[in-house]
Amino acid sequence: MSAQITLKWKKDSTFETELNGHPIIIDTSVENGGNDEGPRPKALMLVALAGCTGMDVAPLFRKMRVHFESLSIDVTAETSDGIPMVYTGFHVTYHVVANPADSAKIVKAVRLSQEKYCGVTLMMKKIAPVTWDIILNETPLNVDSTEK
């Protein structure tokens, strides 16, 4: 199995592709010679990381019978100084509104995503450390996000 996309230049620093039948435009800021018509390519890596783990965690919650009102995922990346500016670390924060009695299941679901299921996380770990935490009902859970 393989994956392949085609990215087409439109103008200046604006490019377009189609993913799963959906158009995606990437660009850079006007200050950097672009037209600001789409997100920056590196930022899409963070979207991929959040999306991949979210698509693991939400179904795991349902499977584990965790009744949750909301789930949002923040991804922060540290960047290097200089050119090229690369990501040197990632931190994922899961914001969950759910019954506190389900906290162990929530931690288990996130840990399964981070350590076993999320292919994007596993790829990102090859380039930089990925840490994570969970905020349940606006209160941080005490979790160890280092790999076991």
N, C-alpha and C. Protein backbone atom coordinates (compact mmCIF):
# COMPACT_ATOMS: atom_id res chain seq x y z
N MET A 1 0.84 -1.17 0.00
CA MET A 1 0.00 0.00 0.00
C MET A 1 0.89 1.24 0.00
N SER A 2 0.44 2.27 -0.68
CA SER A 2 1.19 3.52 -0.70
C SER A 2 0.20 4.68 -0.69
N ALA A 3 0.72 5.85 -0.47
CA ALA A 3 -0.08 7.07 -0.50
C ALA A 3 0.57 8.02 -1.49
N GLN A 4 -0.25 8.81 -2.15
CA GLN A 4 0.29 9.75 -3.14
C GLN A 4 -0.67 10.92 -3.29
N ILE A 5 -0.13 12.10 -3.41
CA ILE A 5 -0.92 13.29 -3.72
C ILE A 5 -0.22 14.04 -4.84
N THR A 6 -0.94 14.94 -5.49
CA THR A 6 -0.35 15.85 -6.47
C THR A 6 -0.66 17.26 -6.02
N LEU A 7 0.37 18.06 -5.87
CA LEU A 7 0.24 19.45 -5.47
C LEU A 7 0.49 20.31 -6.69
N LYS A 8 -0.45 21.18 -7.03
CA LYS A 8 -0.34 22.01 -8.22
C LYS A 8 -0.12 23.46 -7.84
N TRP A 9 0.87 24.07 -8.48
CA TRP A 9 1.15 25.48 -8.28
C TRP A 9 0.05 26.30 -8.93
N LYS A 10 -0.47 27.30 -8.22
CA LYS A 10 -1.51 28.18 -8.76
C LYS A 10 -0.92 29.53 -9.13
N LYS A 11 -0.23 30.17 -8.19
CA LYS A 11 0.42 31.47 -8.39
C LYS A 11 1.28 31.76 -7.18
N ASP A 12 2.26 32.59 -7.36
CA ASP A 12 3.13 33.03 -6.26
C ASP A 12 3.51 31.83 -5.39
N SER A 13 3.07 31.82 -4.11
CA SER A 13 3.35 30.69 -3.22
C SER A 13 2.09 29.89 -2.92
N THR A 14 1.09 30.01 -3.78
CA THR A 14 -0.18 29.32 -3.58
C THR A 14 -0.19 28.01 -4.35
N PHE A 15 -0.50 26.93 -3.64
CA PHE A 15 -0.59 25.60 -4.23
C PHE A 15 -1.93 24.99 -3.86
N GLU A 16 -2.38 24.02 -4.67
CA GLU A 16 -3.65 23.35 -4.39
C GLU A 16 -3.50 21.86 -4.62
N THR A 17 -4.20 21.10 -3.80
CA THR A 17 -4.26 19.66 -3.95
C THR A 17 -5.69 19.22 -3.65
N GLU A 18 -5.93 17.95 -3.87
CA GLU A 18 -7.22 17.37 -3.50
C GLU A 18 -6.95 16.14 -2.66
N LEU A 19 -7.58 16.09 -1.49
CA LEU A 19 -7.44 14.96 -0.59
C LEU A 19 -8.81 14.36 -0.35
N ASN A 20 -8.96 13.10 -0.67
CA ASN A 20 -10.23 12.41 -0.47
C ASN A 20 -11.40 13.18 -1.06
N GLY A 21 -11.17 13.80 -2.22
CA GLY A 21 -12.22 14.54 -2.90
C GLY A 21 -12.45 15.95 -2.38
N HIS A 22 -11.57 16.42 -1.48
CA HIS A 22 -11.72 17.76 -0.90
C HIS A 22 -10.54 18.63 -1.31
N PRO A 23 -10.80 19.83 -1.82
CA PRO A 23 -9.68 20.71 -2.20
C PRO A 23 -8.98 21.28 -0.97
N ILE A 24 -7.68 21.36 -1.05
CA ILE A 24 -6.86 21.96 0.00
C ILE A 24 -5.94 22.96 -0.67
N ILE A 25 -5.93 24.18 -0.17
CA ILE A 25 -5.03 25.21 -0.67
C ILE A 25 -4.03 25.52 0.44
N ILE A 26 -2.76 25.58 0.08
CA ILE A 26 -1.74 26.02 1.03
C ILE A 26 -1.08 27.26 0.47
N ASP A 27 -0.61 28.10 1.36
CA ASP A 27 -0.01 29.36 0.95
C ASP A 27 0.85 29.86 2.09
N THR A 28 1.42 31.01 1.90
CA THR A 28 2.17 31.68 2.95
C THR A 28 1.63 33.09 3.10
N SER A 29 2.14 33.81 4.06
CA SER A 29 1.66 35.17 4.33
C SER A 29 2.08 36.11 3.21
N VAL A 30 1.40 37.25 3.13
CA VAL A 30 1.73 38.28 2.15
C VAL A 30 3.15 38.78 2.40
N GLU A 31 3.52 38.92 3.70
CA GLU A 31 4.86 39.40 4.06
C GLU A 31 5.95 38.47 3.53
N ASN A 32 5.62 37.17 3.36
CA ASN A 32 6.59 36.20 2.87
C ASN A 32 6.41 35.86 1.40
N GLY A 33 5.66 36.71 0.67
CA GLY A 33 5.54 36.52 -0.76
C GLY A 33 4.33 35.73 -1.21
N GLY A 34 3.44 35.43 -0.28
CA GLY A 34 2.24 34.67 -0.64
C GLY A 34 1.03 35.56 -0.72
N ASN A 35 -0.12 34.93 -0.74
CA ASN A 35 -1.40 35.64 -0.81
C ASN A 35 -2.29 35.35 0.39
N ASP A 36 -1.79 34.59 1.35
CA ASP A 36 -2.53 34.20 2.56
C ASP A 36 -3.88 33.58 2.20
N GLU A 37 -3.87 32.70 1.20
CA GLU A 37 -5.10 32.04 0.74
C GLU A 37 -5.33 30.68 1.37
N GLY A 38 -4.42 30.26 2.23
CA GLY A 38 -4.57 28.96 2.87
C GLY A 38 -3.58 28.81 4.00
N PRO A 39 -3.70 27.69 4.73
CA PRO A 39 -2.79 27.45 5.84
C PRO A 39 -1.37 27.17 5.35
N ARG A 40 -0.44 27.27 6.27
CA ARG A 40 0.97 26.97 5.98
C ARG A 40 1.16 25.46 6.06
N PRO A 41 2.05 24.91 5.25
CA PRO A 41 2.24 23.45 5.23
C PRO A 41 2.63 22.85 6.58
N LYS A 42 3.54 23.49 7.31
CA LYS A 42 3.95 22.92 8.60
C LYS A 42 2.80 22.87 9.59
N ALA A 43 1.95 23.89 9.58
CA ALA A 43 0.81 23.90 10.50
C ALA A 43 -0.13 22.74 10.22
N LEU A 44 -0.20 22.31 8.96
CA LEU A 44 -1.04 21.16 8.64
C LEU A 44 -0.54 19.88 9.31
N MET A 45 0.75 19.83 9.63
CA MET A 45 1.27 18.69 10.38
C MET A 45 0.62 18.62 11.76
N LEU A 46 0.39 19.78 12.37
CA LEU A 46 -0.25 19.82 13.68
C LEU A 46 -1.71 19.42 13.59
N VAL A 47 -2.38 19.84 12.51
CA VAL A 47 -3.76 19.43 12.28
C VAL A 47 -3.83 17.92 12.11
N ALA A 48 -2.88 17.36 11.36
CA ALA A 48 -2.85 15.92 11.15
C ALA A 48 -2.66 15.18 12.47
N LEU A 49 -1.78 15.69 13.31
CA LEU A 49 -1.54 15.06 14.62
C LEU A 49 -2.80 15.10 15.48
N ALA A 50 -3.44 16.26 15.59
CA ALA A 50 -4.66 16.38 16.39
C ALA A 50 -5.78 15.54 15.80
N GLY A 51 -5.93 15.59 14.49
CA GLY A 51 -7.00 14.84 13.84
C GLY A 51 -6.85 13.34 13.99
N CYS A 52 -5.64 12.86 13.84
CA CYS A 52 -5.38 11.42 13.94
C CYS A 52 -5.71 10.91 15.34
N THR A 53 -5.19 11.58 16.35
CA THR A 53 -5.45 11.11 17.71
C THR A 53 -6.91 11.31 18.09
N GLY A 54 -7.53 12.38 17.63
CA GLY A 54 -8.94 12.60 17.90
C GLY A 54 -9.82 11.51 17.30
N MET A 55 -9.45 11.06 16.10
CA MET A 55 -10.21 10.00 15.44
C MET A 55 -9.99 8.65 16.09
N ASP A 56 -8.97 8.54 16.93
CA ASP A 56 -8.80 7.35 17.77
C ASP A 56 -9.60 7.49 19.06
N VAL A 57 -9.42 8.62 19.73
CA VAL A 57 -9.93 8.80 21.08
C VAL A 57 -11.46 8.83 21.13
N ALA A 58 -12.10 9.56 20.23
CA ALA A 58 -13.58 9.63 20.28
C ALA A 58 -14.22 8.25 20.15
N PRO A 59 -13.83 7.42 19.17
CA PRO A 59 -14.41 6.08 19.11
C PRO A 59 -14.04 5.20 20.31
N LEU A 60 -12.82 5.37 20.83
CA LEU A 60 -12.44 4.61 22.03
C LEU A 60 -13.32 5.00 23.22
N PHE A 61 -13.59 6.29 23.35
CA PHE A 61 -14.50 6.72 24.42
C PHE A 61 -15.85 6.01 24.27
N ARG A 62 -16.38 6.01 23.07
CA ARG A 62 -17.68 5.36 22.86
C ARG A 62 -17.61 3.87 23.18
N LYS A 63 -16.53 3.22 22.71
CA LYS A 63 -16.36 1.79 22.97
C LYS A 63 -16.24 1.49 24.46
N MET A 64 -15.56 2.39 25.18
CA MET A 64 -15.37 2.20 26.62
C MET A 64 -16.54 2.75 27.44
N ARG A 65 -17.56 3.21 26.76
CA ARG A 65 -18.76 3.78 27.39
C ARG A 65 -18.44 5.00 28.26
N VAL A 66 -17.54 5.83 27.74
CA VAL A 66 -17.27 7.13 28.36
C VAL A 66 -18.26 8.11 27.74
N HIS A 67 -19.14 8.63 28.54
CA HIS A 67 -20.11 9.61 28.05
C HIS A 67 -19.48 10.99 28.18
N PHE A 68 -19.14 11.58 27.03
CA PHE A 68 -18.46 12.87 27.06
C PHE A 68 -19.29 13.91 26.33
N GLU A 69 -19.25 15.12 26.86
CA GLU A 69 -19.97 16.24 26.25
C GLU A 69 -19.14 16.90 25.17
N SER A 70 -17.85 16.98 25.41
CA SER A 70 -16.99 17.63 24.41
C SER A 70 -15.58 17.08 24.51
N LEU A 71 -14.89 17.21 23.38
CA LEU A 71 -13.49 16.83 23.25
C LEU A 71 -12.85 17.84 22.31
N SER A 72 -11.82 18.51 22.75
CA SER A 72 -11.03 19.35 21.86
C SER A 72 -9.56 19.05 22.13
N ILE A 73 -8.76 19.25 21.11
CA ILE A 73 -7.36 18.85 21.18
C ILE A 73 -6.48 20.01 20.73
N ASP A 74 -5.59 20.45 21.60
CA ASP A 74 -4.61 21.48 21.26
C ASP A 74 -3.28 20.79 20.96
N VAL A 75 -2.59 21.25 19.94
CA VAL A 75 -1.24 20.77 19.67
C VAL A 75 -0.32 21.99 19.62
N THR A 76 0.73 21.95 20.41
CA THR A 76 1.74 22.99 20.43
C THR A 76 3.04 22.38 19.93
N ALA A 77 3.74 23.12 19.09
CA ALA A 77 5.03 22.65 18.59
C ALA A 77 6.10 23.66 18.93
N GLU A 78 7.20 23.15 19.41
CA GLU A 78 8.38 23.99 19.61
C GLU A 78 9.14 24.00 18.29
N THR A 79 9.72 25.15 17.97
CA THR A 79 10.46 25.26 16.71
C THR A 79 11.92 25.63 16.97
N SER A 80 12.75 25.23 16.05
CA SER A 80 14.17 25.55 16.14
C SER A 80 14.38 27.00 15.73
N ASP A 81 15.54 27.52 16.09
CA ASP A 81 15.95 28.83 15.60
C ASP A 81 16.65 28.63 14.27
N GLY A 82 16.62 29.62 13.45
CA GLY A 82 17.37 29.55 12.20
C GLY A 82 16.59 28.90 11.07
N ILE A 83 17.26 28.81 9.96
CA ILE A 83 16.67 28.30 8.72
C ILE A 83 17.34 26.98 8.39
N PRO A 84 16.65 25.91 8.08
CA PRO A 84 15.19 25.86 8.08
C PRO A 84 14.66 25.75 9.51
N MET A 85 13.52 26.39 9.77
CA MET A 85 12.87 26.30 11.07
C MET A 85 12.09 24.99 11.09
N VAL A 86 12.48 24.10 11.99
CA VAL A 86 11.82 22.78 12.07
C VAL A 86 11.21 22.60 13.46
N TYR A 87 10.27 21.68 13.54
CA TYR A 87 9.67 21.35 14.83
C TYR A 87 10.65 20.50 15.63
N THR A 88 10.82 20.86 16.91
CA THR A 88 11.75 20.12 17.77
C THR A 88 11.03 19.41 18.92
N GLY A 89 9.73 19.58 19.03
CA GLY A 89 8.95 18.91 20.05
C GLY A 89 7.48 19.24 19.88
N PHE A 90 6.64 18.31 20.30
CA PHE A 90 5.19 18.47 20.19
C PHE A 90 4.55 18.19 21.55
N HIS A 91 3.50 18.94 21.86
CA HIS A 91 2.73 18.66 23.07
C HIS A 91 1.25 18.69 22.70
N VAL A 92 0.54 17.62 23.08
CA VAL A 92 -0.88 17.47 22.78
C VAL A 92 -1.65 17.58 24.09
N THR A 93 -2.64 18.47 24.11
CA THR A 93 -3.51 18.61 25.28
C THR A 93 -4.93 18.25 24.88
N TYR A 94 -5.48 17.30 25.59
CA TYR A 94 -6.86 16.85 25.37
C TYR A 94 -7.74 17.55 26.39
N HIS A 95 -8.73 18.30 25.92
CA HIS A 95 -9.71 18.95 26.80
C HIS A 95 -10.99 18.13 26.69
N VAL A 96 -11.37 17.52 27.81
CA VAL A 96 -12.53 16.63 27.82
C VAL A 96 -13.52 17.11 28.87
N VAL A 97 -14.78 17.14 28.49
CA VAL A 97 -15.85 17.37 29.46
C VAL A 97 -16.61 16.06 29.56
N ALA A 98 -16.50 15.43 30.74
CA ALA A 98 -17.08 14.10 30.95
C ALA A 98 -17.22 13.84 32.44
N ASN A 99 -17.80 12.70 32.76
CA ASN A 99 -17.96 12.29 34.16
C ASN A 99 -16.58 12.00 34.75
N PRO A 100 -16.21 12.64 35.84
CA PRO A 100 -14.90 12.38 36.46
C PRO A 100 -14.69 10.91 36.83
N ALA A 101 -15.77 10.16 37.05
CA ALA A 101 -15.63 8.74 37.37
C ALA A 101 -15.02 7.95 36.22
N ASP A 102 -15.05 8.53 35.00
CA ASP A 102 -14.48 7.87 33.82
C ASP A 102 -13.03 8.26 33.56
N SER A 103 -12.39 8.93 34.50
CA SER A 103 -11.04 9.45 34.24
C SER A 103 -10.04 8.35 33.86
N ALA A 104 -10.09 7.19 34.49
CA ALA A 104 -9.16 6.11 34.16
C ALA A 104 -9.37 5.63 32.72
N LYS A 105 -10.61 5.56 32.29
CA LYS A 105 -10.91 5.15 30.91
C LYS A 105 -10.42 6.22 29.91
N ILE A 106 -10.57 7.47 30.29
CA ILE A 106 -10.12 8.57 29.42
C ILE A 106 -8.62 8.49 29.24
N VAL A 107 -7.90 8.30 30.33
CA VAL A 107 -6.44 8.17 30.26
C VAL A 107 -6.06 6.96 29.41
N LYS A 108 -6.74 5.84 29.60
CA LYS A 108 -6.44 4.63 28.83
C LYS A 108 -6.65 4.87 27.34
N ALA A 109 -7.74 5.52 26.97
CA ALA A 109 -8.02 5.79 25.56
C ALA A 109 -6.95 6.68 24.93
N VAL A 110 -6.57 7.72 25.66
CA VAL A 110 -5.53 8.62 25.14
C VAL A 110 -4.20 7.90 25.03
N ARG A 111 -3.86 7.12 26.04
CA ARG A 111 -2.59 6.38 26.01
C ARG A 111 -2.57 5.40 24.83
N LEU A 112 -3.68 4.69 24.58
CA LEU A 112 -3.74 3.77 23.44
C LEU A 112 -3.52 4.51 22.13
N SER A 113 -4.14 5.67 21.99
CA SER A 113 -3.94 6.45 20.78
C SER A 113 -2.48 6.86 20.64
N GLN A 114 -1.92 7.41 21.70
CA GLN A 114 -0.55 7.93 21.65
C GLN A 114 0.51 6.85 21.46
N GLU A 115 0.29 5.68 22.01
CA GLU A 115 1.33 4.66 22.01
C GLU A 115 1.11 3.53 21.01
N LYS A 116 -0.13 3.41 20.48
CA LYS A 116 -0.40 2.25 19.65
C LYS A 116 -1.11 2.56 18.33
N TYR A 117 -2.14 3.40 18.35
CA TYR A 117 -3.01 3.53 17.20
C TYR A 117 -2.72 4.70 16.26
N CYS A 118 -2.31 5.83 16.77
CA CYS A 118 -2.20 7.03 15.93
C CYS A 118 -0.90 7.01 15.13
N GLY A 119 -1.04 6.71 13.85
CA GLY A 119 0.13 6.66 12.97
C GLY A 119 0.85 7.99 12.84
N VAL A 120 0.12 9.09 12.91
CA VAL A 120 0.76 10.40 12.82
C VAL A 120 1.63 10.64 14.05
N THR A 121 1.11 10.32 15.23
CA THR A 121 1.92 10.46 16.45
C THR A 121 3.18 9.62 16.35
N LEU A 122 3.03 8.39 15.91
CA LEU A 122 4.19 7.50 15.83
C LEU A 122 5.22 8.01 14.82
N MET A 123 4.76 8.62 13.71
CA MET A 123 5.70 9.23 12.76
C MET A 123 6.37 10.46 13.37
N MET A 124 5.58 11.30 14.04
CA MET A 124 6.13 12.52 14.64
C MET A 124 7.19 12.18 15.69
N LYS A 125 6.98 11.09 16.43
CA LYS A 125 7.95 10.68 17.45
C LYS A 125 9.31 10.34 16.84
N LYS A 126 9.34 10.07 15.54
CA LYS A 126 10.62 9.78 14.89
C LYS A 126 11.41 11.05 14.62
N ILE A 127 10.72 12.21 14.65
CA ILE A 127 11.43 13.46 14.40
C ILE A 127 11.61 14.32 15.65
N ALA A 128 10.73 14.14 16.64
CA ALA A 128 10.82 14.95 17.86
C ALA A 128 9.97 14.31 18.95
N PRO A 129 10.24 14.62 20.21
CA PRO A 129 9.41 14.08 21.30
C PRO A 129 7.96 14.57 21.20
N VAL A 130 7.04 13.68 21.57
CA VAL A 130 5.62 14.02 21.65
C VAL A 130 5.18 13.74 23.08
N THR A 131 4.73 14.78 23.77
CA THR A 131 4.20 14.62 25.12
C THR A 131 2.71 14.97 25.09
N TRP A 132 2.01 14.62 26.15
CA TRP A 132 0.57 14.91 26.17
C TRP A 132 0.08 15.05 27.60
N ASP A 133 -1.06 15.73 27.72
CA ASP A 133 -1.75 15.79 28.99
C ASP A 133 -3.25 15.86 28.73
N ILE A 134 -4.01 15.71 29.80
CA ILE A 134 -5.46 15.71 29.71
C ILE A 134 -6.02 16.70 30.71
N ILE A 135 -6.92 17.54 30.25
CA ILE A 135 -7.65 18.46 31.11
C ILE A 135 -9.09 17.94 31.14
N LEU A 136 -9.52 17.43 32.29
CA LEU A 136 -10.87 16.89 32.44
C LEU A 136 -11.70 17.89 33.24
N ASN A 137 -12.74 18.39 32.60
CA ASN A 137 -13.61 19.37 33.24
C ASN A 137 -12.81 20.55 33.79
N GLU A 138 -11.85 21.01 32.99
CA GLU A 138 -11.00 22.16 33.30
C GLU A 138 -10.00 21.91 34.43
N THR A 139 -9.82 20.63 34.81
CA THR A 139 -8.84 20.27 35.85
C THR A 139 -7.83 19.30 35.25
N PRO A 140 -6.54 19.61 35.35
CA PRO A 140 -5.53 18.70 34.80
C PRO A 140 -5.55 17.35 35.53
N LEU A 141 -5.47 16.28 34.75
CA LEU A 141 -5.32 14.94 35.33
C LEU A 141 -3.84 14.69 35.54
N ASN A 142 -3.51 13.94 36.54
CA ASN A 142 -2.13 13.59 36.80
C ASN A 142 -1.78 12.36 35.96
N VAL A 143 -1.14 12.59 34.81
CA VAL A 143 -0.76 11.48 33.93
C VAL A 143 0.71 11.61 33.59
N ASP A 144 1.31 10.47 33.33
CA ASP A 144 2.70 10.42 32.88
C ASP A 144 2.66 10.13 31.39
N SER A 145 3.03 11.11 30.57
CA SER A 145 2.93 10.93 29.12
C SER A 145 4.19 10.34 28.50
N THR A 146 5.10 9.87 29.33
CA THR A 146 6.27 9.21 28.76
C THR A 146 5.88 7.78 28.37
N GLU A 147 6.50 7.28 27.32
CA GLU A 147 6.15 5.93 26.85
C GLU A 147 6.53 4.89 27.86
N LYS A 148 5.67 3.90 27.96
CA LYS A 148 5.92 2.77 28.86
C LYS A 148 6.57 1.65 28.10
